[in-house]
Amino acid sequence: MWRTVFSILGAVLLFSLLLVLFVSCKADPPGKGEIAVMNWTKHNVLVHSKGQKNPLRDNAAGVADGKEAFSHYCVACHGLDGQNTGVPFAARMSPPVPSLAGHDVQSYTDGQLKWIIDYGIWPSGMPGSKNTLSDDEIWSIVLYIRHLPPAGSLGEPEMYTH
């Protein structure tokens, strides 16, 4: 009889423990400290090529070339303006798609931005584009990122307007 009682109590206890574990499994957004640590880690450990310089001239033609390349490869996640305008899932991704005009992105060196475009960045949904984009296309995208238009000024990507 005691064996049955202990078996039932053990099963109830195990079920309760599992219930608590499954119900309490909720991911909260990261706090300011976690964000600061991750940003420092990305800027100083994960992302390389800090000293690499952009070989393209920073002029209107280079920025226009970058805008063109960006419009083919980057708008699905970053919007036409690089600030997620009209991208329906940008804020719901984990981590959210950053505004490329924001301090966290603009504080990368040109070499680091190229490295991110080449290899992607962990932990995020940013894929690498090495061997998909040429070096000149990537460097021109870096120029465009340095000269983004005001948020919302270019409208929404056509793919999200239908």
N, C-alpha and C. Protein backbone atom coordinates (compact mmCIF):
# COMPACT_ATOMS: atom_id res chain seq x y z
N MET A 1 0.81 -1.19 0.00
CA MET A 1 0.00 0.00 0.00
C MET A 1 0.86 1.26 0.00
N TRP A 2 1.92 1.28 0.85
CA TRP A 2 2.79 2.45 0.89
C TRP A 2 3.49 2.66 -0.45
N ARG A 3 3.77 1.55 -1.10
CA ARG A 3 4.41 1.65 -2.40
C ARG A 3 3.51 2.39 -3.38
N THR A 4 2.23 2.11 -3.37
CA THR A 4 1.26 2.78 -4.25
C THR A 4 1.16 4.26 -3.89
N VAL A 5 1.09 4.57 -2.60
CA VAL A 5 0.99 5.96 -2.14
C VAL A 5 2.22 6.75 -2.60
N PHE A 6 3.41 6.17 -2.39
CA PHE A 6 4.64 6.86 -2.79
C PHE A 6 4.73 6.99 -4.32
N SER A 7 4.24 6.02 -5.05
CA SER A 7 4.23 6.09 -6.50
C SER A 7 3.32 7.22 -6.98
N ILE A 8 2.16 7.34 -6.37
CA ILE A 8 1.22 8.40 -6.74
C ILE A 8 1.80 9.76 -6.38
N LEU A 9 2.34 9.88 -5.16
CA LEU A 9 2.95 11.15 -4.74
C LEU A 9 4.13 11.51 -5.64
N GLY A 10 4.93 10.55 -6.01
CA GLY A 10 6.06 10.79 -6.91
C GLY A 10 5.58 11.27 -8.27
N ALA A 11 4.53 10.63 -8.79
CA ALA A 11 3.99 11.04 -10.09
C ALA A 11 3.41 12.45 -10.02
N VAL A 12 2.70 12.77 -8.95
CA VAL A 12 2.13 14.11 -8.77
C VAL A 12 3.25 15.14 -8.67
N LEU A 13 4.29 14.84 -7.91
CA LEU A 13 5.42 15.74 -7.75
C LEU A 13 6.13 15.96 -9.08
N LEU A 14 6.36 14.89 -9.82
CA LEU A 14 7.01 15.00 -11.13
C LEU A 14 6.15 15.82 -12.08
N PHE A 15 4.85 15.56 -12.11
CA PHE A 15 3.95 16.32 -12.97
C PHE A 15 3.97 17.80 -12.59
N SER A 16 3.94 18.10 -11.29
CA SER A 16 3.96 19.49 -10.82
C SER A 16 5.25 20.19 -11.22
N LEU A 17 6.36 19.50 -11.08
CA LEU A 17 7.65 20.07 -11.45
C LEU A 17 7.70 20.38 -12.94
N LEU A 18 7.25 19.43 -13.76
CA LEU A 18 7.22 19.64 -15.21
C LEU A 18 6.29 20.79 -15.58
N LEU A 19 5.15 20.87 -14.93
CA LEU A 19 4.20 21.95 -15.19
C LEU A 19 4.83 23.29 -14.87
N VAL A 20 5.50 23.40 -13.75
CA VAL A 20 6.15 24.65 -13.37
C VAL A 20 7.24 25.03 -14.37
N LEU A 21 8.01 24.04 -14.80
CA LEU A 21 9.07 24.31 -15.76
C LEU A 21 8.52 24.80 -17.09
N PHE A 22 7.48 24.15 -17.60
CA PHE A 22 6.92 24.54 -18.89
C PHE A 22 6.17 25.86 -18.81
N VAL A 23 5.47 26.12 -17.75
CA VAL A 23 4.72 27.36 -17.62
C VAL A 23 5.65 28.54 -17.40
N SER A 24 6.76 28.31 -16.71
CA SER A 24 7.66 29.41 -16.40
C SER A 24 8.71 29.65 -17.48
N CYS A 25 8.68 28.91 -18.57
CA CYS A 25 9.64 29.09 -19.65
C CYS A 25 9.18 30.24 -20.54
N LYS A 26 9.58 31.44 -20.18
CA LYS A 26 9.22 32.62 -20.94
C LYS A 26 10.47 33.46 -21.10
N ALA A 27 10.76 33.84 -22.32
CA ALA A 27 11.93 34.68 -22.58
C ALA A 27 11.52 36.14 -22.50
N ASP A 28 12.14 36.85 -21.59
CA ASP A 28 11.90 38.28 -21.47
C ASP A 28 12.88 39.01 -22.37
N PRO A 29 12.51 40.22 -22.81
CA PRO A 29 13.47 41.02 -23.58
C PRO A 29 14.72 41.27 -22.74
N PRO A 30 15.87 41.41 -23.38
CA PRO A 30 17.09 41.64 -22.61
C PRO A 30 17.05 42.98 -21.90
N GLY A 31 17.69 43.04 -20.75
CA GLY A 31 17.79 44.27 -20.00
C GLY A 31 18.92 45.15 -20.53
N LYS A 32 19.03 46.37 -19.99
CA LYS A 32 20.05 47.31 -20.45
C LYS A 32 21.46 46.75 -20.27
N GLY A 33 21.68 46.06 -19.15
CA GLY A 33 23.01 45.47 -18.91
C GLY A 33 23.34 44.41 -19.92
N GLU A 34 22.38 43.54 -20.22
CA GLU A 34 22.61 42.48 -21.22
C GLU A 34 22.88 43.08 -22.60
N ILE A 35 22.14 44.13 -22.94
CA ILE A 35 22.34 44.79 -24.24
C ILE A 35 23.73 45.40 -24.29
N ALA A 36 24.14 46.07 -23.22
CA ALA A 36 25.47 46.70 -23.19
C ALA A 36 26.58 45.67 -23.34
N VAL A 37 26.45 44.55 -22.65
CA VAL A 37 27.47 43.49 -22.74
C VAL A 37 27.51 42.92 -24.16
N MET A 38 26.35 42.67 -24.74
CA MET A 38 26.32 42.10 -26.09
C MET A 38 26.88 43.08 -27.11
N ASN A 39 26.53 44.37 -27.00
CA ASN A 39 27.07 45.36 -27.94
C ASN A 39 28.58 45.46 -27.81
N TRP A 40 29.11 45.47 -26.58
CA TRP A 40 30.55 45.52 -26.39
C TRP A 40 31.20 44.28 -27.01
N THR A 41 30.60 43.12 -26.78
CA THR A 41 31.15 41.88 -27.30
C THR A 41 31.16 41.88 -28.82
N LYS A 42 30.08 42.34 -29.44
CA LYS A 42 30.04 42.40 -30.90
C LYS A 42 31.11 43.35 -31.43
N HIS A 43 31.20 44.54 -30.85
CA HIS A 43 32.14 45.55 -31.34
C HIS A 43 33.61 45.18 -31.10
N ASN A 44 33.89 44.42 -30.06
CA ASN A 44 35.28 44.18 -29.68
C ASN A 44 35.76 42.74 -29.79
N VAL A 45 34.84 41.78 -29.95
CA VAL A 45 35.25 40.38 -30.00
C VAL A 45 34.74 39.68 -31.26
N LEU A 46 33.45 39.77 -31.52
CA LEU A 46 32.84 38.96 -32.59
C LEU A 46 33.06 39.53 -33.99
N VAL A 47 33.05 40.85 -34.12
CA VAL A 47 33.15 41.50 -35.43
C VAL A 47 34.60 41.94 -35.66
N HIS A 48 35.18 41.47 -36.75
CA HIS A 48 36.59 41.72 -37.05
C HIS A 48 36.76 42.86 -38.06
N SER A 49 37.97 43.06 -38.52
CA SER A 49 38.34 44.02 -39.56
C SER A 49 38.16 45.47 -39.15
N LYS A 50 38.37 45.75 -37.88
CA LYS A 50 38.18 47.11 -37.34
C LYS A 50 39.02 48.14 -38.10
N GLY A 51 40.23 47.78 -38.47
CA GLY A 51 41.13 48.74 -39.11
C GLY A 51 41.04 48.82 -40.62
N GLN A 52 40.23 47.99 -41.24
CA GLN A 52 40.14 47.99 -42.70
C GLN A 52 39.43 49.26 -43.19
N LYS A 53 39.98 49.90 -44.21
CA LYS A 53 39.43 51.15 -44.75
C LYS A 53 38.67 50.88 -46.04
N ASN A 54 37.63 51.66 -46.26
CA ASN A 54 36.84 51.56 -47.48
C ASN A 54 37.66 52.11 -48.65
N PRO A 55 37.93 51.30 -49.68
CA PRO A 55 38.73 51.79 -50.81
C PRO A 55 37.94 52.68 -51.77
N LEU A 56 36.61 52.71 -51.64
CA LEU A 56 35.80 53.53 -52.54
C LEU A 56 35.74 54.97 -52.04
N ARG A 57 35.64 55.88 -52.99
CA ARG A 57 35.55 57.30 -52.64
C ARG A 57 34.17 57.59 -52.08
N ASP A 58 34.15 58.38 -51.03
CA ASP A 58 32.89 58.79 -50.40
C ASP A 58 32.35 60.00 -51.16
N ASN A 59 31.60 59.70 -52.22
CA ASN A 59 31.00 60.77 -53.02
C ASN A 59 29.59 60.35 -53.43
N ALA A 60 28.88 61.25 -54.11
CA ALA A 60 27.48 61.00 -54.47
C ALA A 60 27.34 59.76 -55.35
N ALA A 61 28.27 59.54 -56.26
CA ALA A 61 28.18 58.37 -57.15
C ALA A 61 28.34 57.07 -56.35
N GLY A 62 29.27 57.06 -55.40
CA GLY A 62 29.47 55.87 -54.58
C GLY A 62 28.27 55.58 -53.70
N VAL A 63 27.67 56.62 -53.14
CA VAL A 63 26.48 56.45 -52.31
C VAL A 63 25.32 55.95 -53.17
N ALA A 64 25.18 56.47 -54.38
CA ALA A 64 24.12 56.02 -55.29
C ALA A 64 24.31 54.55 -55.66
N ASP A 65 25.55 54.15 -55.92
CA ASP A 65 25.83 52.74 -56.20
C ASP A 65 25.46 51.87 -55.00
N GLY A 66 25.77 52.36 -53.80
CA GLY A 66 25.43 51.63 -52.59
C GLY A 66 23.94 51.52 -52.39
N LYS A 67 23.23 52.59 -52.68
CA LYS A 67 21.75 52.56 -52.57
C LYS A 67 21.18 51.53 -53.52
N GLU A 68 21.73 51.45 -54.72
CA GLU A 68 21.26 50.47 -55.71
C GLU A 68 21.52 49.04 -55.22
N ALA A 69 22.72 48.75 -54.77
CA ALA A 69 23.03 47.41 -54.26
C ALA A 69 22.18 47.09 -53.04
N PHE A 70 22.03 48.05 -52.15
CA PHE A 70 21.21 47.88 -50.94
C PHE A 70 19.77 47.54 -51.32
N SER A 71 19.26 48.20 -52.37
CA SER A 71 17.87 47.97 -52.77
C SER A 71 17.63 46.56 -53.30
N HIS A 72 18.68 45.90 -53.75
CA HIS A 72 18.54 44.52 -54.24
C HIS A 72 18.71 43.48 -53.15
N TYR A 73 19.54 43.75 -52.14
CA TYR A 73 19.94 42.71 -51.20
C TYR A 73 19.51 42.95 -49.76
N CYS A 74 19.21 44.18 -49.38
CA CYS A 74 19.06 44.49 -47.96
C CYS A 74 17.66 44.96 -47.54
N VAL A 75 16.86 45.40 -48.51
CA VAL A 75 15.58 46.04 -48.16
C VAL A 75 14.58 45.10 -47.52
N ALA A 76 14.66 43.81 -47.76
CA ALA A 76 13.67 42.89 -47.19
C ALA A 76 13.66 42.97 -45.67
N CYS A 77 14.82 43.17 -45.08
CA CYS A 77 14.91 43.25 -43.61
C CYS A 77 15.08 44.67 -43.09
N HIS A 78 15.77 45.53 -43.85
CA HIS A 78 16.14 46.85 -43.35
C HIS A 78 15.31 47.99 -43.95
N GLY A 79 14.41 47.69 -44.90
CA GLY A 79 13.63 48.74 -45.55
C GLY A 79 14.49 49.53 -46.52
N LEU A 80 13.85 50.35 -47.32
CA LEU A 80 14.57 51.14 -48.33
C LEU A 80 15.50 52.17 -47.70
N ASP A 81 15.13 52.65 -46.52
CA ASP A 81 15.89 53.70 -45.85
C ASP A 81 16.88 53.18 -44.82
N GLY A 82 16.97 51.85 -44.67
CA GLY A 82 17.88 51.27 -43.69
C GLY A 82 17.40 51.39 -42.26
N GLN A 83 16.15 51.84 -42.10
CA GLN A 83 15.62 52.08 -40.76
C GLN A 83 14.34 51.29 -40.52
N ASN A 84 14.20 50.20 -41.27
CA ASN A 84 13.12 49.22 -41.10
C ASN A 84 11.74 49.73 -41.48
N THR A 85 11.66 50.85 -42.17
CA THR A 85 10.37 51.39 -42.56
C THR A 85 9.62 50.38 -43.43
N GLY A 86 8.42 50.02 -43.00
CA GLY A 86 7.57 49.13 -43.77
C GLY A 86 7.92 47.66 -43.67
N VAL A 87 8.87 47.28 -42.84
CA VAL A 87 9.25 45.87 -42.69
C VAL A 87 8.42 45.31 -41.54
N PRO A 88 7.43 44.46 -41.87
CA PRO A 88 6.44 44.05 -40.86
C PRO A 88 6.99 43.21 -39.71
N PHE A 89 8.10 42.54 -39.89
CA PHE A 89 8.60 41.63 -38.86
C PHE A 89 9.82 42.18 -38.12
N ALA A 90 10.32 43.34 -38.49
CA ALA A 90 11.60 43.83 -37.97
C ALA A 90 11.64 43.90 -36.45
N ALA A 91 10.58 44.38 -35.83
CA ALA A 91 10.56 44.55 -34.37
C ALA A 91 10.28 43.24 -33.65
N ARG A 92 9.71 42.25 -34.37
CA ARG A 92 9.34 41.00 -33.71
C ARG A 92 10.42 39.93 -33.77
N MET A 93 11.49 40.20 -34.51
CA MET A 93 12.59 39.23 -34.54
C MET A 93 13.34 39.30 -33.22
N SER A 94 14.05 38.24 -32.89
CA SER A 94 14.81 38.22 -31.66
C SER A 94 16.26 37.87 -31.98
N PRO A 95 17.16 38.82 -31.90
CA PRO A 95 16.96 40.22 -31.55
C PRO A 95 16.32 40.98 -32.70
N PRO A 96 15.67 42.13 -32.39
CA PRO A 96 15.02 42.92 -33.44
C PRO A 96 16.03 43.40 -34.48
N VAL A 97 15.56 43.62 -35.70
CA VAL A 97 16.41 44.16 -36.75
C VAL A 97 16.75 45.60 -36.35
N PRO A 98 18.04 45.94 -36.27
CA PRO A 98 18.38 47.29 -35.83
C PRO A 98 18.18 48.32 -36.94
N SER A 99 17.94 49.55 -36.54
CA SER A 99 17.99 50.66 -37.49
C SER A 99 19.45 50.87 -37.84
N LEU A 100 19.76 50.90 -39.12
CA LEU A 100 21.15 51.08 -39.53
C LEU A 100 21.62 52.51 -39.29
N ALA A 101 20.69 53.41 -38.99
CA ALA A 101 21.04 54.80 -38.68
C ALA A 101 21.36 54.97 -37.20
N GLY A 102 21.07 53.96 -36.39
CA GLY A 102 21.26 54.05 -34.95
C GLY A 102 22.72 54.02 -34.55
N HIS A 103 22.98 54.50 -33.35
CA HIS A 103 24.35 54.58 -32.82
C HIS A 103 25.05 53.22 -32.80
N ASP A 104 24.33 52.17 -32.43
CA ASP A 104 24.97 50.85 -32.33
C ASP A 104 25.56 50.40 -33.66
N VAL A 105 24.90 50.71 -34.76
CA VAL A 105 25.42 50.32 -36.08
C VAL A 105 26.42 51.36 -36.58
N GLN A 106 26.09 52.63 -36.45
CA GLN A 106 26.98 53.68 -36.96
C GLN A 106 28.32 53.73 -36.23
N SER A 107 28.40 53.15 -35.04
CA SER A 107 29.66 53.17 -34.30
C SER A 107 30.64 52.09 -34.75
N TYR A 108 30.20 51.19 -35.63
CA TYR A 108 31.14 50.24 -36.22
C TYR A 108 32.02 51.00 -37.22
N THR A 109 33.26 50.54 -37.39
CA THR A 109 34.11 51.11 -38.44
C THR A 109 33.62 50.60 -39.79
N ASP A 110 34.09 51.24 -40.87
CA ASP A 110 33.73 50.76 -42.21
C ASP A 110 34.16 49.31 -42.40
N GLY A 111 35.34 48.96 -41.92
CA GLY A 111 35.82 47.58 -42.05
C GLY A 111 34.93 46.60 -41.32
N GLN A 112 34.47 46.98 -40.13
CA GLN A 112 33.56 46.10 -39.39
C GLN A 112 32.23 45.95 -40.11
N LEU A 113 31.70 47.03 -40.68
CA LEU A 113 30.44 46.91 -41.43
C LEU A 113 30.62 45.97 -42.62
N LYS A 114 31.74 46.09 -43.32
CA LYS A 114 31.98 45.18 -44.44
C LYS A 114 32.06 43.74 -43.93
N TRP A 115 32.74 43.52 -42.81
CA TRP A 115 32.87 42.18 -42.25
C TRP A 115 31.49 41.62 -41.91
N ILE A 116 30.62 42.44 -41.33
CA ILE A 116 29.25 41.99 -40.99
C ILE A 116 28.49 41.61 -42.25
N ILE A 117 28.60 42.43 -43.29
CA ILE A 117 27.90 42.12 -44.54
C ILE A 117 28.49 40.85 -45.17
N ASP A 118 29.80 40.68 -45.09
CA ASP A 118 30.45 39.47 -45.61
C ASP A 118 30.01 38.21 -44.87
N TYR A 119 30.04 38.25 -43.55
CA TYR A 119 29.90 37.03 -42.75
C TYR A 119 28.62 36.93 -41.92
N GLY A 120 27.83 37.99 -41.88
CA GLY A 120 26.66 37.98 -41.02
C GLY A 120 27.08 38.29 -39.59
N ILE A 121 26.12 38.31 -38.71
CA ILE A 121 26.46 38.60 -37.32
C ILE A 121 25.63 37.71 -36.40
N TRP A 122 26.33 37.15 -35.45
CA TRP A 122 25.70 36.28 -34.47
C TRP A 122 25.59 37.05 -33.18
N PRO A 123 24.57 36.99 -32.42
CA PRO A 123 23.35 36.21 -32.66
C PRO A 123 22.28 37.11 -33.29
N SER A 124 21.98 36.89 -34.49
CA SER A 124 20.92 37.64 -35.17
C SER A 124 20.51 36.88 -36.42
N GLY A 125 19.60 37.44 -37.15
CA GLY A 125 19.18 36.84 -38.41
C GLY A 125 19.97 37.37 -39.59
N MET A 126 21.00 38.18 -39.32
CA MET A 126 21.79 38.79 -40.41
C MET A 126 22.64 37.74 -41.10
N PRO A 127 22.31 37.44 -42.38
CA PRO A 127 23.10 36.44 -43.10
C PRO A 127 24.36 37.06 -43.69
N GLY A 128 25.34 36.25 -43.96
CA GLY A 128 26.53 36.70 -44.66
C GLY A 128 26.28 36.75 -46.15
N SER A 129 26.95 37.66 -46.83
CA SER A 129 26.76 37.82 -48.28
C SER A 129 28.04 37.60 -49.07
N LYS A 130 29.08 37.11 -48.41
CA LYS A 130 30.34 36.84 -49.12
C LYS A 130 30.06 35.84 -50.24
N ASN A 131 30.62 36.08 -51.40
CA ASN A 131 30.43 35.26 -52.60
C ASN A 131 29.06 35.43 -53.23
N THR A 132 28.20 36.26 -52.64
CA THR A 132 26.94 36.64 -53.28
C THR A 132 27.08 38.06 -53.81
N LEU A 133 27.67 38.91 -53.00
CA LEU A 133 27.95 40.29 -53.39
C LEU A 133 29.44 40.44 -53.65
N SER A 134 29.79 41.31 -54.58
CA SER A 134 31.20 41.59 -54.82
C SER A 134 31.72 42.53 -53.73
N ASP A 135 33.04 42.61 -53.59
CA ASP A 135 33.62 43.53 -52.62
C ASP A 135 33.20 44.97 -52.91
N ASP A 136 33.18 45.36 -54.19
CA ASP A 136 32.77 46.73 -54.54
C ASP A 136 31.31 46.98 -54.15
N GLU A 137 30.43 45.99 -54.36
CA GLU A 137 29.04 46.17 -53.94
C GLU A 137 28.94 46.34 -52.43
N ILE A 138 29.68 45.53 -51.70
CA ILE A 138 29.63 45.62 -50.23
C ILE A 138 30.18 46.95 -49.77
N TRP A 139 31.32 47.39 -50.31
CA TRP A 139 31.87 48.67 -49.90
C TRP A 139 30.92 49.82 -50.25
N SER A 140 30.23 49.71 -51.39
CA SER A 140 29.28 50.77 -51.75
C SER A 140 28.08 50.77 -50.80
N ILE A 141 27.66 49.59 -50.33
CA ILE A 141 26.59 49.51 -49.33
C ILE A 141 27.04 50.18 -48.03
N VAL A 142 28.30 49.99 -47.67
CA VAL A 142 28.83 50.66 -46.47
C VAL A 142 28.72 52.18 -46.64
N LEU A 143 29.07 52.69 -47.83
CA LEU A 143 28.91 54.13 -48.09
C LEU A 143 27.46 54.56 -47.91
N TYR A 144 26.54 53.78 -48.46
CA TYR A 144 25.12 54.12 -48.33
C TYR A 144 24.68 54.12 -46.86
N ILE A 145 25.13 53.15 -46.10
CA ILE A 145 24.78 53.08 -44.67
C ILE A 145 25.27 54.34 -43.95
N ARG A 146 26.39 54.90 -44.37
CA ARG A 146 26.90 56.13 -43.76
C ARG A 146 26.11 57.37 -44.17
N HIS A 147 25.29 57.25 -45.21
CA HIS A 147 24.53 58.41 -45.71
C HIS A 147 23.05 58.06 -45.88
N LEU A 148 22.46 57.41 -44.91
CA LEU A 148 21.05 57.00 -45.02
C LEU A 148 20.12 58.20 -45.05
N PRO A 149 19.03 58.09 -45.82
CA PRO A 149 18.05 59.17 -45.85
C PRO A 149 17.22 59.19 -44.56
N PRO A 150 16.43 60.24 -44.34
CA PRO A 150 15.58 60.27 -43.15
C PRO A 150 14.61 59.08 -43.12
N ALA A 151 14.32 58.61 -41.92
CA ALA A 151 13.40 57.47 -41.75
C ALA A 151 12.06 57.76 -42.41
N GLY A 152 11.60 56.81 -43.20
CA GLY A 152 10.30 56.91 -43.85
C GLY A 152 10.29 57.69 -45.14
N SER A 153 11.39 58.35 -45.49
CA SER A 153 11.40 59.23 -46.66
C SER A 153 11.33 58.50 -48.00
N LEU A 154 11.67 57.22 -48.01
CA LEU A 154 11.64 56.45 -49.27
C LEU A 154 10.43 55.51 -49.36
N GLY A 155 9.56 55.55 -48.35
CA GLY A 155 8.38 54.69 -48.36
C GLY A 155 8.71 53.27 -47.96
N GLU A 156 7.76 52.38 -48.25
CA GLU A 156 7.89 50.97 -47.89
C GLU A 156 8.42 50.17 -49.07
N PRO A 157 9.11 49.07 -48.80
CA PRO A 157 9.53 48.20 -49.90
C PRO A 157 8.30 47.67 -50.65
N GLU A 158 8.41 47.64 -51.96
CA GLU A 158 7.28 47.20 -52.79
C GLU A 158 6.77 45.83 -52.40
N MET A 159 7.65 44.95 -51.97
CA MET A 159 7.25 43.58 -51.64
C MET A 159 6.26 43.53 -50.49
N TYR A 160 6.18 44.59 -49.68
CA TYR A 160 5.26 44.61 -48.53
C TYR A 160 4.03 45.48 -48.76
N THR A 161 3.86 46.01 -49.95
CA THR A 161 2.73 46.90 -50.22
C THR A 161 1.59 46.21 -50.95
N HIS A 162 1.73 44.94 -51.27
CA HIS A 162 0.67 44.24 -52.03
C HIS A 162 -0.20 43.42 -51.10
